[in-house]
Amino acid sequence: MKGMIVFAAASLIAGSALAGQAERNASPPTGMVNSYTAAELRRAEAAAQRQGFKPAGGVWAQAGAIFMNAEKAGSRYQLTITPDGVVHVGQAVPPAQPANNS
């Protein structure tokens, strides 16, 4: 029984890692309004990095624009990167506050 629990936990962890990688590299089928290619994602990440942002996952697309979460100077932002590489920065998301368990 203990072995089954360990196997199940390991499977969930491996599945989560693969799902995170899939989110970063894949999109809905090419040709759909919400699709993007791996090359388009790399270009969007490079554009964000040129502006000093570190991509932090949460990638999605619509009509050629790629949206992603990114970090810069300790703050988290939502970015919109247009197909021509222009980076539009959304409002900073405040950091999560630690729980006060006193």
Protein backbone atom coordinates (compact mmCIF):
# COMPACT_ATOMS: atom_id res chain seq x y z
CA MET A 1 0.00 0.00 0.00
CA LYS A 2 2.79 2.40 0.93
CA GLY A 3 4.47 1.66 -2.41
CA MET A 4 1.27 2.53 -4.29
CA ILE A 5 1.02 5.87 -2.48
CA VAL A 6 4.64 6.70 -3.30
CA PHE A 7 4.09 5.69 -6.94
CA ALA A 8 0.92 7.82 -7.15
CA ALA A 9 2.69 10.84 -5.65
CA ALA A 10 5.64 10.45 -8.01
CA SER A 11 3.26 10.15 -10.97
CA LEU A 12 1.47 13.34 -9.97
CA ILE A 13 4.73 15.24 -9.60
CA ALA A 14 6.02 14.01 -12.97
CA GLY A 15 2.69 14.84 -14.60
CA SER A 16 2.76 18.35 -13.16
CA ALA A 17 6.28 18.93 -14.46
CA LEU A 18 5.30 17.71 -17.92
CA ALA A 19 2.14 19.82 -17.89
CA GLY A 20 4.19 22.92 -17.00
CA GLN A 21 6.56 22.23 -19.87
CA ALA A 22 3.64 21.64 -22.22
CA GLU A 23 2.08 24.96 -21.17
CA ARG A 24 5.32 26.72 -22.00
CA ASN A 25 5.86 25.09 -25.40
CA ALA A 26 2.44 24.29 -26.77
CA SER A 27 -0.79 26.00 -27.57
CA PRO A 28 -4.12 25.11 -29.12
CA PRO A 29 -3.82 23.73 -32.66
CA THR A 30 -1.98 26.05 -35.05
CA GLY A 31 -4.28 28.24 -37.07
CA MET A 32 -6.68 28.91 -34.21
CA VAL A 33 -7.08 32.48 -32.91
CA ASN A 34 -5.59 31.46 -29.54
CA SER A 35 -2.63 29.47 -30.89
CA TYR A 36 1.07 30.21 -30.93
CA THR A 37 4.15 28.32 -32.01
CA ALA A 38 7.23 27.54 -29.94
CA ALA A 39 9.17 30.03 -32.10
CA GLU A 40 6.60 32.78 -31.41
CA LEU A 41 6.85 32.05 -27.68
CA ARG A 42 10.67 32.27 -27.81
CA ARG A 43 10.43 35.65 -29.61
CA ALA A 44 7.95 36.94 -27.02
CA GLU A 45 10.15 35.78 -24.14
CA ALA A 46 13.19 37.43 -25.75
CA ALA A 47 11.26 40.70 -26.15
CA ALA A 48 10.27 40.58 -22.47
CA GLN A 49 13.86 39.85 -21.43
CA ARG A 50 15.15 42.81 -23.48
CA GLN A 51 12.90 44.99 -21.32
CA GLY A 52 14.38 43.49 -18.14
CA PHE A 53 11.56 41.03 -17.35
CA LYS A 54 12.00 37.40 -16.39
CA PRO A 55 9.17 35.28 -17.85
CA ALA A 56 7.37 33.44 -15.06
CA GLY A 57 4.90 31.14 -16.81
CA GLY A 58 1.21 31.51 -17.38
CA VAL A 59 1.44 31.88 -21.17
CA TRP A 60 -1.59 32.29 -23.41
CA ALA A 61 -2.30 33.96 -26.74
CA GLN A 62 -5.00 35.67 -28.73
CA ALA A 63 -5.00 37.04 -32.26
CA GLY A 64 -1.20 37.03 -32.56
CA ALA A 65 -0.47 38.63 -29.18
CA ILE A 66 1.16 36.57 -26.45
CA PHE A 67 0.33 37.22 -22.82
CA MET A 68 2.59 36.06 -20.00
CA ASN A 69 3.39 36.59 -16.36
CA ALA A 70 6.83 38.04 -15.69
CA GLU A 71 8.93 39.41 -12.85
CA LYS A 72 11.08 42.50 -12.63
CA ALA A 73 12.70 44.15 -9.61
CA GLY A 74 10.84 41.88 -7.20
CA SER A 75 7.40 42.64 -8.64
CA ARG A 76 5.19 40.46 -10.81
CA TYR A 77 3.51 41.79 -13.95
CA GLN A 78 1.24 40.61 -16.73
CA LEU A 79 2.75 41.40 -20.11
CA THR A 80 1.21 41.62 -23.55
CA ILE A 81 3.71 41.11 -26.36
CA THR A 82 2.50 42.00 -29.83
CA PRO A 83 3.56 40.01 -32.91
CA ASP A 84 6.05 42.77 -33.79
CA GLY A 85 7.76 42.47 -30.37
CA VAL A 86 6.29 45.47 -28.56
CA VAL A 87 5.96 44.78 -24.83
CA HIS A 88 2.99 46.30 -23.01
CA VAL A 89 3.23 46.12 -19.23
CA GLY A 90 0.15 45.68 -17.07
CA GLN A 91 -0.15 46.86 -13.50
CA ALA A 92 2.20 45.27 -10.99
CA VAL A 93 0.67 42.46 -8.96
CA PRO A 94 1.48 42.92 -5.27
CA PRO A 95 3.50 40.11 -3.69
CA ALA A 96 1.61 37.60 -1.57
CA GLN A 97 1.63 38.48 2.13
CA PRO A 98 2.89 35.78 4.50
CA ALA A 99 0.22 34.26 6.71
CA ASN A 100 0.13 35.69 10.22
CA ASN A 101 -0.23 32.57 12.35
CA SER A 102 0.38 34.11 15.75
